[in-house]
N, C-alpha and C. Protein backbone atom coordinates (compact mmCIF):
# COMPACT_ATOMS: atom_id res chain seq x y z
N MET A 1 71.18 153.29 52.50
CA MET A 1 71.19 154.45 53.36
C MET A 1 70.19 154.25 54.50
N LYS A 2 70.66 154.38 55.73
CA LYS A 2 69.83 154.14 56.90
C LYS A 2 68.80 155.25 57.08
N LYS A 3 67.58 154.86 57.36
CA LYS A 3 66.48 155.80 57.58
C LYS A 3 66.47 156.24 59.05
N ASN A 4 66.01 157.45 59.28
CA ASN A 4 65.88 158.00 60.63
C ASN A 4 64.44 158.42 60.85
N VAL A 5 63.89 158.04 62.01
CA VAL A 5 62.50 158.33 62.32
C VAL A 5 62.41 159.00 63.69
N LEU A 6 61.53 159.96 63.79
CA LEU A 6 61.21 160.61 65.05
C LEU A 6 59.88 160.05 65.54
N ILE A 7 59.86 159.57 66.78
CA ILE A 7 58.64 159.06 67.39
C ILE A 7 58.18 160.11 68.40
N VAL A 8 56.97 160.61 68.21
CA VAL A 8 56.43 161.64 69.10
C VAL A 8 55.21 161.04 69.81
N ASP A 9 55.39 160.67 71.06
CA ASP A 9 54.32 160.07 71.85
C ASP A 9 54.63 160.30 73.32
N ASP A 10 53.61 160.62 74.11
CA ASP A 10 53.84 160.87 75.53
C ASP A 10 53.85 159.59 76.36
N GLU A 11 53.61 158.45 75.72
CA GLU A 11 53.66 157.16 76.42
C GLU A 11 55.02 156.50 76.16
N PRO A 12 55.88 156.42 77.19
CA PRO A 12 57.21 155.83 77.00
C PRO A 12 57.17 154.40 76.44
N GLU A 13 56.13 153.63 76.82
CA GLU A 13 56.03 152.25 76.34
C GLU A 13 55.85 152.20 74.82
N ILE A 14 55.06 153.12 74.28
CA ILE A 14 54.85 153.17 72.82
C ILE A 14 56.17 153.53 72.14
N CYS A 15 56.88 154.50 72.69
CA CYS A 15 58.17 154.90 72.12
C CYS A 15 59.15 153.74 72.11
N LEU A 16 59.23 153.02 73.23
CA LEU A 16 60.15 151.88 73.31
C LEU A 16 59.76 150.76 72.35
N LEU A 17 58.46 150.49 72.24
CA LEU A 17 57.97 149.47 71.31
C LEU A 17 58.36 149.83 69.88
N LEU A 18 58.05 151.05 69.47
CA LEU A 18 58.36 151.47 68.11
C LEU A 18 59.87 151.49 67.85
N GLN A 19 60.64 151.97 68.83
CA GLN A 19 62.10 151.99 68.66
C GLN A 19 62.65 150.58 68.44
N ALA A 20 62.14 149.61 69.21
CA ALA A 20 62.61 148.23 69.08
C ALA A 20 62.24 147.65 67.72
N ILE A 21 61.02 147.88 67.28
CA ILE A 21 60.58 147.37 65.97
C ILE A 21 61.39 148.02 64.86
N LEU A 22 61.57 149.32 64.93
CA LEU A 22 62.32 150.04 63.90
C LEU A 22 63.78 149.58 63.87
N ALA A 23 64.38 149.40 65.04
CA ALA A 23 65.78 148.96 65.10
C ALA A 23 65.96 147.61 64.41
N LYS A 24 65.01 146.70 64.59
CA LYS A 24 65.10 145.39 63.93
C LYS A 24 65.00 145.50 62.41
N GLN A 25 64.44 146.62 61.93
CA GLN A 25 64.33 146.86 60.49
C GLN A 25 65.48 147.72 59.97
N GLY A 26 66.44 148.05 60.85
CA GLY A 26 67.58 148.86 60.44
C GLY A 26 67.27 150.34 60.36
N ILE A 27 66.23 150.77 61.08
CA ILE A 27 65.82 152.17 61.07
C ILE A 27 66.16 152.78 62.43
N ALA A 28 66.88 153.88 62.43
CA ALA A 28 67.22 154.57 63.67
C ALA A 28 66.03 155.40 64.13
N ALA A 29 65.81 155.46 65.45
CA ALA A 29 64.66 156.21 65.96
C ALA A 29 65.04 156.98 67.22
N ILE A 30 64.51 158.18 67.29
CA ILE A 30 64.64 159.06 68.45
C ILE A 30 63.22 159.35 68.93
N SER A 31 63.04 159.50 70.25
CA SER A 31 61.72 159.77 70.79
C SER A 31 61.62 161.19 71.34
N ALA A 32 60.42 161.72 71.25
CA ALA A 32 60.06 163.00 71.86
C ALA A 32 58.71 162.79 72.54
N ASN A 33 58.52 163.44 73.69
CA ASN A 33 57.29 163.23 74.44
C ASN A 33 56.33 164.41 74.41
N SER A 34 56.65 165.42 73.58
CA SER A 34 55.79 166.60 73.47
C SER A 34 56.03 167.26 72.12
N LEU A 35 55.15 168.16 71.75
CA LEU A 35 55.34 168.93 70.52
C LEU A 35 56.61 169.78 70.60
N ALA A 36 56.84 170.39 71.76
CA ALA A 36 58.02 171.24 71.93
C ALA A 36 59.31 170.43 71.74
N GLN A 37 59.35 169.26 72.35
CA GLN A 37 60.52 168.40 72.20
C GLN A 37 60.67 167.91 70.76
N ALA A 38 59.55 167.63 70.10
CA ALA A 38 59.59 167.20 68.70
C ALA A 38 60.17 168.30 67.82
N ARG A 39 59.72 169.52 68.04
CA ARG A 39 60.25 170.65 67.26
C ARG A 39 61.75 170.81 67.47
N GLN A 40 62.19 170.65 68.69
CA GLN A 40 63.62 170.75 68.99
C GLN A 40 64.40 169.63 68.29
N ASN A 41 63.90 168.41 68.36
CA ASN A 41 64.56 167.29 67.68
C ASN A 41 64.60 167.49 66.18
N LEU A 42 63.52 168.01 65.60
CA LEU A 42 63.48 168.24 64.16
C LEU A 42 64.57 169.23 63.72
N GLN A 43 64.82 170.24 64.54
CA GLN A 43 65.85 171.22 64.20
C GLN A 43 67.25 170.64 64.31
N GLN A 44 67.41 169.63 65.15
CA GLN A 44 68.73 169.07 65.41
C GLN A 44 69.05 167.82 64.58
N GLY A 45 68.07 167.25 63.92
CA GLY A 45 68.29 166.00 63.21
C GLY A 45 67.79 166.05 61.79
N ASN A 46 68.01 164.95 61.10
CA ASN A 46 67.56 164.78 59.73
C ASN A 46 66.69 163.53 59.69
N TYR A 47 65.38 163.70 59.57
CA TYR A 47 64.46 162.58 59.68
C TYR A 47 63.76 162.30 58.35
N ASP A 48 63.52 161.00 58.14
CA ASP A 48 62.79 160.55 56.96
C ASP A 48 61.32 160.36 57.26
N GLY A 49 61.00 160.12 58.54
CA GLY A 49 59.62 159.88 58.92
C GLY A 49 59.35 160.26 60.35
N VAL A 50 58.06 160.38 60.65
CA VAL A 50 57.61 160.72 62.00
C VAL A 50 56.39 159.86 62.34
N PHE A 51 56.46 159.19 63.49
CA PHE A 51 55.27 158.59 64.09
C PHE A 51 54.76 159.64 65.07
N LEU A 52 53.55 160.10 64.90
CA LEU A 52 53.05 161.26 65.62
C LEU A 52 51.74 160.94 66.33
N ASP A 53 51.79 160.91 67.66
CA ASP A 53 50.59 160.68 68.45
C ASP A 53 49.70 161.93 68.39
N VAL A 54 48.41 161.74 68.60
CA VAL A 54 47.49 162.88 68.55
C VAL A 54 47.49 163.65 69.87
N ASN A 55 47.29 162.96 70.97
CA ASN A 55 47.17 163.63 72.25
C ASN A 55 48.52 163.74 72.94
N LEU A 56 49.03 164.94 72.98
CA LEU A 56 50.31 165.22 73.62
C LEU A 56 50.09 166.25 74.72
N PRO A 57 50.99 166.34 75.68
CA PRO A 57 50.78 167.25 76.81
C PRO A 57 50.63 168.72 76.41
N ASP A 58 51.21 169.11 75.28
CA ASP A 58 51.17 170.52 74.88
C ASP A 58 50.40 170.77 73.59
N GLY A 59 49.49 169.86 73.23
CA GLY A 59 48.66 170.09 72.06
C GLY A 59 48.34 168.83 71.29
N LYS A 60 47.69 169.01 70.16
CA LYS A 60 47.35 167.91 69.27
C LYS A 60 48.50 167.67 68.30
N GLY A 61 48.91 166.42 68.16
CA GLY A 61 50.05 166.10 67.30
C GLY A 61 49.88 166.57 65.87
N TYR A 62 48.65 166.49 65.35
CA TYR A 62 48.46 166.87 63.95
C TYR A 62 48.64 168.36 63.72
N GLU A 63 48.74 169.15 64.80
CA GLU A 63 49.07 170.58 64.65
C GLU A 63 50.47 170.76 64.08
N LEU A 64 51.32 169.76 64.24
CA LEU A 64 52.70 169.82 63.75
C LEU A 64 52.79 169.54 62.24
N ILE A 65 51.80 168.90 61.68
CA ILE A 65 51.88 168.46 60.27
C ILE A 65 52.08 169.63 59.30
N PRO A 66 51.34 170.73 59.40
CA PRO A 66 51.60 171.83 58.46
C PRO A 66 53.04 172.35 58.55
N GLU A 67 53.60 172.40 59.75
CA GLU A 67 55.00 172.82 59.91
C GLU A 67 55.94 171.84 59.22
N LEU A 68 55.64 170.56 59.36
CA LEU A 68 56.48 169.54 58.71
C LEU A 68 56.42 169.67 57.20
N LYS A 69 55.24 169.89 56.67
CA LYS A 69 55.08 170.01 55.21
C LYS A 69 55.86 171.19 54.65
N VAL A 70 55.94 172.28 55.40
CA VAL A 70 56.67 173.47 54.94
C VAL A 70 58.18 173.33 55.19
N GLY A 71 58.55 172.98 56.41
CA GLY A 71 59.96 172.96 56.78
C GLY A 71 60.69 171.68 56.41
N TYR A 72 59.96 170.58 56.30
CA TYR A 72 60.57 169.27 56.04
C TYR A 72 59.68 168.49 55.07
N PRO A 73 59.56 168.95 53.85
CA PRO A 73 58.56 168.39 52.92
C PRO A 73 58.76 166.92 52.56
N LYS A 74 59.95 166.37 52.78
CA LYS A 74 60.18 164.97 52.42
C LYS A 74 59.84 163.99 53.54
N ILE A 75 59.60 164.52 54.74
CA ILE A 75 59.27 163.65 55.87
C ILE A 75 57.91 163.00 55.65
N ARG A 76 57.86 161.70 55.89
CA ARG A 76 56.60 160.94 55.81
C ARG A 76 56.00 160.89 57.20
N VAL A 77 54.72 161.23 57.33
CA VAL A 77 54.07 161.34 58.63
C VAL A 77 53.04 160.23 58.81
N ILE A 78 53.19 159.50 59.91
CA ILE A 78 52.23 158.48 60.30
C ILE A 78 51.64 158.92 61.64
N VAL A 79 50.36 159.25 61.65
CA VAL A 79 49.69 159.64 62.88
C VAL A 79 49.16 158.38 63.56
N ILE A 80 49.37 158.32 64.89
CA ILE A 80 48.88 157.19 65.68
C ILE A 80 47.98 157.73 66.79
N SER A 81 46.87 157.03 67.03
CA SER A 81 45.95 157.48 68.08
C SER A 81 45.03 156.35 68.51
N ALA A 82 44.68 156.36 69.78
CA ALA A 82 43.70 155.42 70.30
C ALA A 82 42.28 155.87 69.96
N MET A 83 42.15 157.11 69.51
CA MET A 83 40.83 157.67 69.20
C MET A 83 40.64 157.73 67.69
N ASP A 84 39.92 156.76 67.15
CA ASP A 84 39.74 156.68 65.70
C ASP A 84 39.02 157.91 65.15
N GLN A 85 38.26 158.61 65.99
CA GLN A 85 37.56 159.81 65.52
C GLN A 85 38.53 160.92 65.15
N GLU A 86 39.79 160.80 65.53
CA GLU A 86 40.80 161.79 65.17
C GLU A 86 41.34 161.58 63.75
N ARG A 87 40.98 160.46 63.14
CA ARG A 87 41.46 160.15 61.79
C ARG A 87 41.17 161.28 60.81
N THR A 88 39.95 161.81 60.83
CA THR A 88 39.57 162.87 59.90
C THR A 88 40.43 164.11 60.10
N ASN A 89 40.63 164.52 61.36
CA ASN A 89 41.47 165.69 61.63
C ASN A 89 42.90 165.48 61.14
N ALA A 90 43.43 164.29 61.38
CA ALA A 90 44.80 163.99 60.96
C ALA A 90 44.92 163.99 59.43
N MET A 91 43.93 163.41 58.76
CA MET A 91 43.97 163.36 57.30
C MET A 91 43.82 164.77 56.71
N GLN A 92 42.95 165.58 57.30
CA GLN A 92 42.78 166.95 56.82
C GLN A 92 44.05 167.78 57.03
N ALA A 93 44.80 167.46 58.08
CA ALA A 93 46.05 168.18 58.34
C ALA A 93 47.16 167.75 57.37
N GLY A 94 46.97 166.61 56.70
CA GLY A 94 47.92 166.20 55.69
C GLY A 94 48.80 165.01 56.03
N THR A 95 48.39 164.20 57.00
CA THR A 95 49.19 163.02 57.31
C THR A 95 49.22 162.06 56.12
N HIS A 96 50.27 161.28 56.04
CA HIS A 96 50.36 160.28 54.97
C HIS A 96 49.57 159.03 55.33
N LEU A 97 49.46 158.76 56.65
CA LEU A 97 48.81 157.53 57.09
C LEU A 97 48.33 157.70 58.53
N PHE A 98 47.22 157.05 58.86
CA PHE A 98 46.69 157.06 60.23
C PHE A 98 46.64 155.62 60.72
N LEU A 99 47.23 155.37 61.90
CA LEU A 99 47.19 154.04 62.51
C LEU A 99 46.46 154.12 63.84
N PRO A 100 45.44 153.29 64.02
CA PRO A 100 44.77 153.25 65.32
C PRO A 100 45.58 152.44 66.32
N LYS A 101 45.57 152.90 67.57
CA LYS A 101 46.15 152.12 68.66
C LYS A 101 45.06 151.17 69.16
N PRO A 102 45.41 150.03 69.70
CA PRO A 102 46.76 149.55 69.93
C PRO A 102 47.46 149.14 68.63
N LEU A 103 48.75 149.37 68.61
CA LEU A 103 49.56 149.05 67.45
C LEU A 103 49.96 147.58 67.49
N ASP A 104 50.09 146.97 66.33
CA ASP A 104 50.63 145.61 66.28
C ASP A 104 51.73 145.57 65.23
N LEU A 105 52.57 144.57 65.33
CA LEU A 105 53.76 144.46 64.49
C LEU A 105 53.41 144.49 63.00
N ARG A 106 52.44 143.72 62.60
CA ARG A 106 52.09 143.64 61.17
C ARG A 106 51.66 145.00 60.62
N THR A 107 50.85 145.72 61.40
CA THR A 107 50.37 147.03 60.96
C THR A 107 51.51 148.04 60.88
N ILE A 108 52.41 148.00 61.86
CA ILE A 108 53.55 148.92 61.87
C ILE A 108 54.44 148.66 60.65
N LEU A 109 54.76 147.40 60.39
CA LEU A 109 55.61 147.06 59.24
C LEU A 109 54.93 147.44 57.93
N ALA A 110 53.64 147.19 57.82
CA ALA A 110 52.90 147.55 56.60
C ALA A 110 52.91 149.07 56.41
N SER A 111 52.77 149.81 57.50
CA SER A 111 52.76 151.27 57.38
C SER A 111 54.12 151.80 56.93
N LEU A 112 55.19 151.20 57.42
CA LEU A 112 56.53 151.61 57.01
C LEU A 112 56.73 151.39 55.50
N LYS A 113 56.23 150.28 55.02
CA LYS A 113 56.32 150.00 53.58
C LYS A 113 55.45 150.96 52.78
N GLU A 114 54.24 151.21 53.28
CA GLU A 114 53.30 152.05 52.54
C GLU A 114 53.81 153.47 52.35
N VAL A 115 54.51 154.00 53.34
CA VAL A 115 55.00 155.38 53.21
C VAL A 115 56.43 155.45 52.69
N GLY A 116 57.01 154.29 52.34
CA GLY A 116 58.32 154.27 51.72
C GLY A 116 59.50 154.35 52.66
N LEU A 117 59.29 154.03 53.93
CA LEU A 117 60.41 154.03 54.88
C LEU A 117 61.09 152.67 54.98
N MET A 118 60.48 151.67 54.34
CA MET A 118 61.03 150.32 54.37
C MET A 118 60.66 149.62 53.06
N ASN A 119 61.53 148.75 52.59
CA ASN A 119 61.23 147.98 51.37
C ASN A 119 60.34 146.80 51.67
């Protein structure tokens, strides 16, 4: 069964990078560039995981985590940020995993395995 992931990041390059890596692993990915767009995509799709940036144009990405836990309890959340000091906030909000930017292939693949989105 093919996995579906939502990538929420305001940097198009990050979205394209993650989409390409996920596609090579047989995982479908859709991108959103804001919390509002992420919420809209969540209502329209069925996702197994979310890559969630911290700094978005309309708020902090980890603000979405409590909503995900209530409305989509099976979604696995991976928070990504260039600011490692956000790790504590993301973990307190309930993320499954925190990845510091810049992202690299090995770390992305390991994170997918760790949260059960890839074998």
